[in-house]
Amino acid sequence: MNATVEACELYRFYRAGDEEVRALRGVSLRVCAGEFVAVVGPSGSGKSTLLACLAGLDEPDGGQVRIGGVRLSHRPESERAAARAATIGVLFQSGNLVEHLSVRANIDLAQRLCSRGGQSGKRRFAQRARPLPDQSVREALLTSLHLTGRATAQPSQLSGGEAVRAGLAVALAGAPALLLADEPTGELDEATEADVLLLLRAQARASRAVVVASHSPALAAAADRVIELHDGMIAGG
């Protein structure tokens, strides 16, 4: 099975005055299409930093990330943005939706941005033909994520579970090969968390690579594989 994302010896350091925080210390991983991988560990272990590096939203101080065999790290931000548009969907802990837009309009915006950014990155990063944004794609996302009845609602009108599903629809608007999610069930009750886990597993069954950072035991139990971080290193690695 070909790897969708590979990270090799990632290091990331932050400085605050005289203090140096070693967020990542030599982290390597490989996740293939169709895999659902959970990244777990205590707060401050490097989970969010790892996802940011995998998404090209943060640059490692050492090592590199490859998407579909093509280097993502240590490239100009414009090229990293094109790579994200072509191959990566990101579900953040919060801030996934534009507050003054409806759920439907948020998906439309994400499709337009993915189409515009992906055009310049397709030759380097896309491994398959990508559909142009259209209403059928949007409506299919709304249906599959059980949001059809909430399509005209604004983010402030959504429940916690609906907001996560709407954020997932935005992350999937460009049909990414890789889905990254940072604590997607952190504020949800047990029943709603179970629904979100089913949706994440469905993305892996659709031949996406799914990498989720979480404290949730239920999410770790649902994953195909668990990677445990401690002090910026993979436990037992």
Protein backbone atom coordinates (compact mmCIF):
# COMPACT_ATOMS: atom_id res chain seq x y z
CA MET A 1 0.00 0.00 0.00
CA ASN A 2 1.40 3.42 -0.94
CA ALA A 3 1.88 5.96 1.82
CA THR A 4 -0.21 9.10 1.59
CA VAL A 5 1.83 10.94 4.23
CA GLU A 6 5.32 10.28 5.53
CA ALA A 7 7.15 12.23 8.23
CA CYS A 8 10.86 11.63 8.70
CA GLU A 9 12.72 12.69 11.86
CA LEU A 10 10.64 15.79 12.59
CA TYR A 11 12.05 18.31 15.08
CA ARG A 12 10.25 21.47 16.17
CA PHE A 13 11.54 23.90 18.80
CA TYR A 14 9.89 27.00 20.23
CA ARG A 15 11.59 29.74 22.23
CA ALA A 16 10.05 31.97 24.91
CA GLY A 17 12.72 34.23 26.33
CA ASP A 18 15.49 32.01 27.64
CA GLU A 19 13.27 28.92 27.59
CA GLU A 20 13.28 26.40 24.73
CA VAL A 21 10.34 24.05 24.27
CA ARG A 22 11.14 20.92 22.29
CA ALA A 23 7.72 20.22 20.83
CA LEU A 24 8.87 17.43 18.47
CA ARG A 25 12.05 15.41 18.85
CA GLY A 26 12.71 13.08 15.95
CA VAL A 27 9.15 11.96 15.16
CA SER A 28 8.75 9.65 12.16
CA LEU A 29 5.53 8.08 10.90
CA ARG A 30 3.90 6.71 7.77
CA VAL A 31 0.15 6.62 7.13
CA CYS A 32 -1.39 4.96 4.09
CA ALA A 33 -4.65 5.50 2.24
CA GLY A 34 -7.46 3.68 4.04
CA GLU A 35 -5.84 3.94 7.48
CA PHE A 36 -7.38 5.64 10.51
CA VAL A 37 -4.54 6.57 12.90
CA ALA A 38 -4.97 8.16 16.34
CA VAL A 39 -2.19 10.30 17.82
CA VAL A 40 -2.54 10.31 21.61
CA GLY A 41 -0.61 11.64 24.56
CA PRO A 42 -0.87 14.16 27.41
CA SER A 43 -1.30 17.89 26.84
CA GLY A 44 1.97 19.39 25.64
CA SER A 45 3.23 16.11 24.16
CA GLY A 46 3.38 17.54 20.62
CA LYS A 47 0.15 16.24 19.07
CA SER A 48 -1.09 19.54 17.64
CA THR A 49 2.41 20.51 16.51
CA LEU A 50 2.74 17.23 14.64
CA LEU A 51 -0.58 17.75 12.83
CA ALA A 52 0.40 21.32 11.93
CA CYS A 53 3.65 20.05 10.39
CA LEU A 54 1.83 17.28 8.50
CA ALA A 55 -0.55 19.92 7.09
CA GLY A 56 2.25 22.27 6.10
CA LEU A 57 0.81 24.91 8.43
CA ASP A 58 4.02 24.85 10.47
CA GLU A 59 7.57 24.16 9.32
CA PRO A 60 9.74 21.63 11.18
CA ASP A 61 13.17 22.79 12.30
CA GLY A 62 14.53 19.45 11.15
CA GLY A 63 13.26 16.56 9.07
CA GLN A 64 10.59 16.66 6.41
CA VAL A 65 7.04 15.70 5.48
CA ARG A 66 6.14 14.09 2.15
CA ILE A 67 2.64 13.83 0.69
CA GLY A 68 2.26 11.19 -2.00
CA GLY A 69 6.05 10.98 -2.20
CA VAL A 70 6.48 14.73 -2.84
CA ARG A 71 8.20 16.92 -0.25
CA LEU A 72 5.85 19.36 1.51
CA SER A 73 8.25 20.80 4.10
CA HIS A 74 10.75 23.62 3.47
CA ARG A 75 8.90 25.02 0.48
CA PRO A 76 7.46 28.53 0.04
CA GLU A 77 4.11 29.02 1.77
CA SER A 78 2.41 29.49 -1.61
CA GLU A 79 3.49 25.98 -2.63
CA ARG A 80 2.47 24.49 0.72
CA ALA A 81 -0.93 26.17 0.38
CA ALA A 82 -1.34 24.69 -3.09
CA ALA A 83 -0.47 21.26 -1.71
CA ARG A 84 -3.05 21.60 1.05
CA ALA A 85 -5.70 22.63 -1.48
CA ALA A 86 -4.86 19.66 -3.71
CA THR A 87 -4.50 16.87 -1.16
CA ILE A 88 -5.17 17.80 2.50
CA GLY A 89 -8.29 18.51 4.54
CA VAL A 90 -7.88 19.90 8.06
CA LEU A 91 -10.43 19.87 10.88
CA PHE A 92 -9.26 22.20 13.65
CA GLN A 93 -10.34 22.24 17.29
CA SER A 94 -12.32 25.40 16.50
CA GLY A 95 -12.58 28.10 13.84
CA ASN A 96 -13.52 25.75 11.00
CA LEU A 97 -16.46 27.87 9.87
CA VAL A 98 -16.87 31.50 8.80
CA GLU A 99 -19.32 32.81 11.39
CA HIS A 100 -21.46 35.02 9.14
CA LEU A 101 -21.96 32.33 6.47
CA SER A 102 -24.42 29.45 6.46
CA VAL A 103 -23.24 25.85 6.46
CA ARG A 104 -23.98 25.63 2.74
CA ALA A 105 -22.09 28.87 2.02
CA ASN A 106 -19.12 27.68 4.08
CA ILE A 107 -18.86 24.56 1.93
CA ASP A 108 -19.19 26.62 -1.25
CA LEU A 109 -16.38 28.91 -0.09
CA ALA A 110 -14.15 25.95 0.76
CA GLN A 111 -14.77 24.40 -2.66
CA ARG A 112 -13.86 27.61 -4.44
CA LEU A 113 -10.67 28.01 -2.41
CA CYS A 114 -9.67 24.38 -2.97
CA SER A 115 -10.28 24.67 -6.70
CA ARG A 116 -8.32 27.92 -6.99
CA GLY A 117 -5.39 26.79 -4.85
CA GLY A 118 -5.31 23.29 -6.23
CA GLN A 119 -4.88 24.31 -9.85
CA SER A 120 -1.28 25.42 -9.35
CA GLY A 121 -0.39 22.44 -7.21
CA LYS A 122 -2.02 19.67 -9.19
CA ARG A 123 0.93 18.77 -11.37
CA ARG A 124 3.17 18.33 -8.32
CA PHE A 125 0.77 16.97 -5.72
CA ALA A 126 -2.47 15.61 -7.17
CA GLN A 127 -2.37 11.94 -8.10
CA ARG A 128 -5.81 11.83 -9.68
CA ALA A 129 -8.34 13.99 -11.50
CA ARG A 130 -10.08 16.47 -9.19
CA PRO A 131 -13.71 17.48 -9.69
CA LEU A 132 -14.47 21.17 -10.02
CA PRO A 133 -16.66 22.69 -7.29
CA ASP A 134 -20.35 22.22 -8.02
CA GLN A 135 -23.66 21.91 -6.25
CA SER A 136 -23.77 18.14 -6.52
CA VAL A 137 -20.56 17.80 -4.51
CA ARG A 138 -21.88 20.18 -1.86
CA GLU A 139 -25.24 18.43 -1.59
CA ALA A 140 -23.56 15.03 -1.38
CA LEU A 141 -21.48 16.26 1.57
CA LEU A 142 -24.54 17.69 3.32
CA THR A 143 -26.41 14.41 2.85
CA SER A 144 -23.58 12.10 3.92
CA LEU A 145 -22.89 14.17 7.05
CA HIS A 146 -26.60 14.48 7.95
CA LEU A 147 -26.62 18.26 7.55
CA THR A 148 -29.24 18.77 4.84
CA GLY A 149 -31.74 20.16 7.33
CA ARG A 150 -29.14 22.55 8.76
CA ALA A 151 -27.70 23.79 5.47
CA THR A 152 -29.03 27.34 5.92
CA ALA A 153 -28.05 27.61 9.60
CA GLN A 154 -25.16 29.82 10.69
CA PRO A 155 -22.43 28.45 12.98
CA SER A 156 -23.88 30.12 16.09
CA GLN A 157 -27.10 28.14 15.55
CA LEU A 158 -25.41 24.72 15.45
CA SER A 159 -25.03 22.21 18.25
CA GLY A 160 -21.55 20.92 19.09
CA GLY A 161 -22.00 17.80 16.99
CA GLU A 162 -23.46 19.74 14.07
CA ALA A 163 -20.52 22.18 14.18
CA VAL A 164 -18.04 19.30 14.01
CA ARG A 165 -19.92 17.72 11.09
CA ALA A 166 -20.06 21.07 9.29
CA GLY A 167 -16.31 21.55 9.87
CA LEU A 168 -15.74 18.08 8.47
CA ALA A 169 -17.78 18.99 5.39
CA VAL A 170 -15.54 22.03 4.87
CA ALA A 171 -12.42 19.88 5.32
CA LEU A 172 -13.73 17.41 2.73
CA ALA A 173 -14.84 20.03 0.20
CA GLY A 174 -11.77 19.50 -1.97
CA ALA A 175 -11.96 15.66 -1.86
CA PRO A 176 -8.59 15.40 -0.03
CA ALA A 177 -6.48 12.26 0.05
CA LEU A 178 -5.41 13.08 3.63
CA LEU A 179 -7.71 14.18 6.46
CA LEU A 180 -6.14 15.66 9.60
CA ALA A 181 -8.30 16.35 12.67
CA ASP A 182 -7.22 17.97 15.94
CA GLU A 183 -9.41 16.96 18.93
CA PRO A 184 -12.61 16.67 16.85
CA THR A 185 -14.62 15.18 19.74
CA GLY A 186 -13.15 17.14 22.65
CA GLU A 187 -16.34 19.06 23.53
CA LEU A 188 -18.90 16.41 22.60
CA ASP A 189 -21.06 14.11 24.69
CA GLU A 190 -20.59 10.35 24.42
CA ALA A 191 -23.41 9.73 21.93
CA THR A 192 -22.34 12.56 19.63
CA GLU A 193 -18.71 11.44 19.85
CA ALA A 194 -19.76 7.97 18.69
CA ASP A 195 -21.49 9.50 15.65
CA VAL A 196 -18.37 11.51 14.74
CA LEU A 197 -16.18 8.42 15.08
CA LEU A 198 -18.40 6.59 12.60
CA LEU A 199 -17.98 9.49 10.16
CA LEU A 200 -14.18 9.43 10.55
CA ARG A 201 -14.07 5.68 10.01
CA ALA A 202 -16.18 6.16 6.88
CA GLN A 203 -13.53 8.55 5.53
CA ALA A 204 -10.87 5.86 5.92
CA ARG A 205 -13.14 3.36 4.15
CA ALA A 206 -13.33 5.88 1.30
CA SER A 207 -9.55 5.35 0.84
CA ARG A 208 -8.46 8.48 2.64
CA ALA A 209 -5.63 8.54 5.14
CA VAL A 210 -7.11 9.83 8.41
CA VAL A 211 -4.89 11.13 11.23
CA VAL A 212 -6.58 12.38 14.40
CA ALA A 213 -4.97 13.90 17.50
CA SER A 214 -7.06 13.27 20.59
CA HIS A 215 -7.20 12.58 24.32
CA SER A 216 -10.28 10.40 23.81
CA PRO A 217 -10.01 6.69 24.76
CA ALA A 218 -13.02 5.99 22.52
CA LEU A 219 -11.30 7.53 19.52
CA ALA A 220 -8.11 5.56 20.18
CA ALA A 221 -10.17 2.37 20.42
CA ALA A 222 -11.84 3.11 17.07
CA ALA A 223 -8.55 3.71 15.22
CA ASP A 224 -6.69 1.11 13.19
CA ARG A 225 -3.44 2.18 14.83
CA VAL A 226 -2.41 4.35 17.78
CA ILE A 227 0.73 6.50 17.94
CA GLU A 228 1.55 7.70 21.46
CA LEU A 229 3.58 10.86 21.99
CA HIS A 230 5.43 11.83 25.17
CA ASP A 231 7.61 14.94 25.40
CA GLY A 232 7.70 15.26 21.63
CA MET A 233 8.77 11.67 20.99
CA ILE A 234 6.91 8.50 19.98
CA ALA A 235 6.65 6.25 23.02
CA GLY A 236 8.64 3.10 22.49
CA GLY A 237 10.07 4.48 19.26
